[in-house]
Amino acid sequence: MMAIIFLAFIIGLIVYFPTTGISLYAGLVWVMAFLVGYYFTINYQQKRAALEQQQN
């Protein structure tokens, strides 16, 4: 719980200072890129496993 409060405090500080606000957008872009990569990786692994089961 303390970690979540700490992260909320840090995000609040980033929002408070106008010059650091762009870092929130950059962070969102990184998170979205990782989520898309994760989705494609999992999807590829599931398709590959299904093909291997069909071949056996």
N, C-alpha and C. Protein backbone atom coordinates (compact mmCIF):
# COMPACT_ATOMS: atom_id res chain seq x y z
N MET A 1 0.82 -1.20 0.00
CA MET A 1 0.00 0.00 0.00
C MET A 1 0.86 1.26 0.00
N MET A 2 1.95 1.20 0.76
CA MET A 2 2.83 2.37 0.82
C MET A 2 3.48 2.64 -0.54
N ALA A 3 3.74 1.58 -1.31
CA ALA A 3 4.36 1.76 -2.62
C ALA A 3 3.41 2.48 -3.57
N ILE A 4 2.13 2.16 -3.49
CA ILE A 4 1.15 2.82 -4.35
C ILE A 4 1.01 4.29 -3.96
N ILE A 5 1.02 4.57 -2.68
CA ILE A 5 0.96 5.97 -2.22
C ILE A 5 2.20 6.72 -2.68
N PHE A 6 3.36 6.08 -2.59
CA PHE A 6 4.59 6.72 -3.04
C PHE A 6 4.54 7.02 -4.53
N LEU A 7 4.08 6.05 -5.34
CA LEU A 7 3.99 6.29 -6.78
C LEU A 7 3.00 7.39 -7.10
N ALA A 8 1.88 7.44 -6.39
CA ALA A 8 0.90 8.51 -6.60
C ALA A 8 1.52 9.86 -6.25
N PHE A 9 2.32 9.91 -5.20
CA PHE A 9 3.00 11.15 -4.81
C PHE A 9 3.98 11.59 -5.90
N ILE A 10 4.75 10.66 -6.43
CA ILE A 10 5.71 11.00 -7.48
C ILE A 10 4.99 11.48 -8.74
N ILE A 11 3.92 10.80 -9.12
CA ILE A 11 3.15 11.23 -10.29
C ILE A 11 2.55 12.61 -10.05
N GLY A 12 2.11 12.86 -8.83
CA GLY A 12 1.58 14.18 -8.48
C GLY A 12 2.64 15.27 -8.62
N LEU A 13 3.86 14.97 -8.21
CA LEU A 13 4.95 15.93 -8.38
C LEU A 13 5.26 16.17 -9.84
N ILE A 14 5.24 15.12 -10.64
CA ILE A 14 5.50 15.27 -12.07
C ILE A 14 4.43 16.15 -12.71
N VAL A 15 3.17 15.96 -12.32
CA VAL A 15 2.08 16.76 -12.88
C VAL A 15 2.18 18.21 -12.40
N TYR A 16 2.63 18.41 -11.18
CA TYR A 16 2.68 19.75 -10.60
C TYR A 16 3.64 20.67 -11.36
N PHE A 17 4.79 20.13 -11.77
CA PHE A 17 5.78 20.94 -12.48
C PHE A 17 5.54 20.83 -13.99
N PRO A 18 5.24 21.94 -14.63
CA PRO A 18 4.86 21.90 -16.06
C PRO A 18 5.97 21.37 -16.98
N THR A 19 7.22 21.57 -16.62
CA THR A 19 8.30 21.14 -17.50
C THR A 19 8.49 19.63 -17.50
N THR A 20 7.96 18.94 -16.51
CA THR A 20 8.13 17.49 -16.45
C THR A 20 6.88 16.74 -16.88
N GLY A 21 5.83 17.45 -17.26
CA GLY A 21 4.58 16.81 -17.66
C GLY A 21 4.72 15.94 -18.90
N ILE A 22 5.64 16.30 -19.78
CA ILE A 22 5.83 15.51 -21.00
C ILE A 22 6.30 14.09 -20.68
N SER A 23 6.94 13.91 -19.54
CA SER A 23 7.42 12.58 -19.19
C SER A 23 6.26 11.61 -18.94
N LEU A 24 5.11 12.11 -18.54
CA LEU A 24 3.93 11.24 -18.38
C LEU A 24 3.48 10.70 -19.72
N TYR A 25 3.50 11.56 -20.74
CA TYR A 25 3.13 11.09 -22.08
C TYR A 25 4.14 10.08 -22.61
N ALA A 26 5.41 10.35 -22.37
CA ALA A 26 6.44 9.41 -22.81
C ALA A 26 6.28 8.07 -22.09
N GLY A 27 5.95 8.12 -20.82
CA GLY A 27 5.73 6.89 -20.06
C GLY A 27 4.54 6.11 -20.58
N LEU A 28 3.47 6.81 -20.95
CA LEU A 28 2.30 6.14 -21.51
C LEU A 28 2.63 5.47 -22.85
N VAL A 29 3.45 6.15 -23.66
CA VAL A 29 3.86 5.56 -24.94
C VAL A 29 4.65 4.28 -24.69
N TRP A 30 5.57 4.29 -23.72
CA TRP A 30 6.34 3.09 -23.39
C TRP A 30 5.44 1.96 -22.91
N VAL A 31 4.51 2.28 -22.04
CA VAL A 31 3.61 1.25 -21.53
C VAL A 31 2.78 0.65 -22.66
N MET A 32 2.28 1.49 -23.55
CA MET A 32 1.50 0.98 -24.68
C MET A 32 2.37 0.11 -25.59
N ALA A 33 3.61 0.53 -25.83
CA ALA A 33 4.51 -0.27 -26.67
C ALA A 33 4.77 -1.63 -26.04
N PHE A 34 4.99 -1.68 -24.75
CA PHE A 34 5.21 -2.95 -24.08
C PHE A 34 3.97 -3.83 -24.12
N LEU A 35 2.79 -3.25 -23.93
CA LEU A 35 1.56 -4.03 -23.98
C LEU A 35 1.30 -4.61 -25.37
N VAL A 36 1.56 -3.82 -26.40
CA VAL A 36 1.39 -4.32 -27.77
C VAL A 36 2.39 -5.44 -28.04
N GLY A 37 3.63 -5.25 -27.64
CA GLY A 37 4.64 -6.29 -27.82
C GLY A 37 4.29 -7.55 -27.06
N TYR A 38 3.79 -7.41 -25.85
CA TYR A 38 3.38 -8.56 -25.05
C TYR A 38 2.23 -9.31 -25.72
N TYR A 39 1.25 -8.56 -26.23
CA TYR A 39 0.11 -9.18 -26.90
C TYR A 39 0.58 -10.00 -28.11
N PHE A 40 1.43 -9.40 -28.95
CA PHE A 40 1.89 -10.11 -30.13
C PHE A 40 2.75 -11.32 -29.77
N THR A 41 3.54 -11.22 -28.73
CA THR A 41 4.36 -12.34 -28.29
C THR A 41 3.50 -13.49 -27.80
N ILE A 42 2.52 -13.20 -26.97
CA ILE A 42 1.64 -14.24 -26.44
C ILE A 42 0.82 -14.85 -27.58
N ASN A 43 0.31 -14.03 -28.46
CA ASN A 43 -0.49 -14.51 -29.58
C ASN A 43 0.35 -15.42 -30.47
N TYR A 44 1.59 -15.04 -30.75
CA TYR A 44 2.48 -15.86 -31.57
C TYR A 44 2.77 -17.19 -30.89
N GLN A 45 3.02 -17.18 -29.60
CA GLN A 45 3.32 -18.41 -28.88
C GLN A 45 2.12 -19.35 -28.87
N GLN A 46 0.93 -18.82 -28.73
CA GLN A 46 -0.27 -19.66 -28.73
C GLN A 46 -0.51 -20.28 -30.10
N LYS A 47 -0.31 -19.50 -31.16
CA LYS A 47 -0.47 -20.04 -32.51
C LYS A 47 0.57 -21.12 -32.79
N ARG A 48 1.80 -20.88 -32.35
CA ARG A 48 2.86 -21.86 -32.58
C ARG A 48 2.58 -23.16 -31.82
N ALA A 49 2.10 -23.06 -30.59
CA ALA A 49 1.77 -24.24 -29.80
C ALA A 49 0.62 -25.01 -30.45
N ALA A 50 -0.36 -24.30 -31.00
CA ALA A 50 -1.49 -24.97 -31.66
C ALA A 50 -1.01 -25.70 -32.91
N LEU A 51 -0.10 -25.09 -33.66
CA LEU A 51 0.43 -25.75 -34.86
C LEU A 51 1.24 -26.99 -34.49
N GLU A 52 2.01 -26.91 -33.43
CA GLU A 52 2.80 -28.06 -33.00
C GLU A 52 1.91 -29.20 -32.55
N GLN A 53 0.78 -28.89 -31.91
CA GLN A 53 -0.15 -29.93 -31.49
C GLN A 53 -0.82 -30.58 -32.69
N GLN A 54 -1.11 -29.81 -33.72
CA GLN A 54 -1.73 -30.36 -34.91
C GLN A 54 -0.77 -31.29 -35.65
N GLN A 55 0.51 -30.96 -35.63
CA GLN A 55 1.50 -31.76 -36.33
C GLN A 55 1.79 -33.07 -35.62
N ASN A 56 1.58 -33.11 -34.32
CA ASN A 56 1.87 -34.34 -33.57
C ASN A 56 0.72 -35.23 -33.50
